Amino acid sequence: MAARARIELLGVFRVRDEDGDLVPVPQAHQRIVLAALALADGQGVTADALLDTLWPGELPRSGRKTLHGYIARLRRLLGADSILTQAGGYVLNTDRFEVDVQLAREHLEAGCRSDEPGERLRRFVSALGLFRGEPLQDAPAEPLHRAHAHVLRDLHLLTLEHWAREQIRVDPAEAVGPLREASLSHPHQESLWALLIDALTASGRRAEALEYYGRARRLLLDDLGIEPGPALRRAQQNALASPPAPRSAAGTSDDPGVPQARITDLLARRRAEGAAVAVVGPPGSGKSRTVRAVVDEVRRTGAAGQPPVVVPVRPGAGGSDQARVLAEQMSGIWGGGTRGADPAALREVWARSATLLVLDDVTHTEQYAWLLPVPPGSGLVVCTTVSLRTGRLEVVELPPYAPGRALAVLAQARELPPGGLPRSTVRVLDVVLEGLPAAVHALAERMADEPDLTWDEVGKRLQDPRRRLDLLASRSVDVRGHLHKAYDRLRDSACRAFRLLGWLDAHSFNDTAASAALDLSVEQAKAALAELVRAGLVRVDRRGSELRYQMNPLGRSFAREISDYTDDQTLRDAAVRRALSAWQSNPFSPAGQPTAALPWDESRGARPLMRP
């Protein structure tokens, strides 16, 4: 069958032609019409239904004529036979177009029907790869979202669960990251928690599995007043029945040494064909420390032909310039063995030397893509804040510490039993630190070095946005330094966005609120947010009816700290007023005022803030 054009709805609305090139559909109402036709699964849609979708309130006097104009312009853009007329309405020509929603369903159904495990996993991977974020983005029609968005989210979760069951049988460690993210985004979905616990148990991480069972049970009891169901209890029983992970030189399964051991093992096992590993985590997650330990181990054992080469990547201009900037750095390191910054020559030197190459602070795939595939006998480690979903790199994620692990580190600093911390302080620690390894270890060092520092004082200082970063600076760890390093790599537009968005004291915000706060177009705001997500300073939150963003308490404190001496108070006031106005008028935001980000007043000496 000849290649068809594709309409993509499982994320930002996109149209691709038969060659895979993007076809812009710039007008929002035209995107809504095309999305409504694509969601009809090859069935016709009446003109009245399209009019109700475009104008759910009062129909404009010229509405029907305007709809005909949208259809005519879409046909000019996509081809005269792209949309066919039928009695009373229109139908998408499925001989010309395929739709990612239908493709995902077909892959999912084929995987469920297959008796071959490899084919099942391949089909589920293909289906999962079609989901690119919150569905129906850039198709702003409330009736369309109300009718279809929840169905598409359920399809995504169903696909994720089928993939996870197969992946746990093959390589359970690979399933942990996506399942953890999904469980935290959908905290009342017991099946996701059960799969996460199964994946951790099968990975030998029994203690962490039981920690997450406890977290899931508390959420269900506190929010819904119910005990876990059979699937979740069965996962707990499996975890209890599994043997505890043995202690070794690499530590326990909950120990920071485990990622180091896994990276070293991957490099050794894949060295013959060329090993490529990505170490992923936000600022302060311990990426550089973990990779330094791997490099020291390779140097000590002589596992590579030549000593490892570590390249701290400088920010490039973007696109192909990223590769050029990195090639220039590598040329300087390898010296006379290369012809300038020619990538082909650099690869030849690398192939001859059988060297482990480490790229630290990678922010764009273009910076390392030209180095793939890795020459046989060599290795590549990419250290990045960017969550990578690619089959060309083995991904090792450095997640936050589980609550029990963080509390154990802090209790040990005062030689207390793991449950010996005051309950009031535990709540603050969990909310503010969020298990960030750098923050946990900085506070542990302060507690060990300052015996007069009480847990009550720690709680008060962590609740104060102007004092918490000072508390998290110890003799060997400085959380502010980790954040500053990420901030310094941003472009000016993203720096400004980070500073101003830090004043939005809400659990999460959408791109409309960000656009208003920054006084930018939605597209410009999305570009700034994308850069902040890549830097690990903002994270994506898909709990709401649209894509939303979160800034953690430590990042928010740092943003305000920088803004205090960079931005005028009038500018900050105006940014928050615009964001509040946009939030209250956005038809897709949850009803009512935004909820506070933290369970205490965050306004000490710093205003204005978004609070209910």
Foldseek 3Di string as FASTA:
>chain_A
DQAAWEFAFLFATWTAGSVRHTQDPPDLLLSLVVVVQQVVVQDWDALVNSQCQSPVDDRDPCNSVVVVVSVVVVCVRHHVQQWADDVRTIHGDVVRYDYLLVLLVVLQVVLVPDPDLVSNLVSLVVSLVSRDFQGRHSNPTVVVLVVPRVVSVVSNVVSLLSNLVSCLVVQLVVNQVVLVQVCVLVLQPLSSLLSNLSSCLSVLNLVLSLLSLVVSQVCCCVPPNDGDDDSSVVSNVSSVPRDHADQDPQGGPLDPSVLLVVVLVQCLVCQQAEAFAEEAAAQLLCLVVSVVVNLVVCVVVVLFQDRAAEAAQADAPDDLRLQQSLLQRLCVVVDPQADHSDLVSSLVVCLVRLHEYEYAADLDPSNCVSCPPPHRSHYYYYYFNDDDDDPSHHYDYRAARRLLVLLCLQCVLVPHHSPPADPLLSVLCCQAVVRRNLQSVLLSQVCNVPVVCDSVNLSVQSLALQRNQVNSHHPPGHSLVSLVVLLVNDDPLLLVLLLLVLQAQFQKAALQLSCQLSVHPSVSSVVSVVSCSRSNQKHWRRNFSGIIIGGGSNSSSSSPVVCVVPPDPVSSVSSNVRSQVRQQPDPRHDPDFGDGNDPDDHPVVHDDYRHD
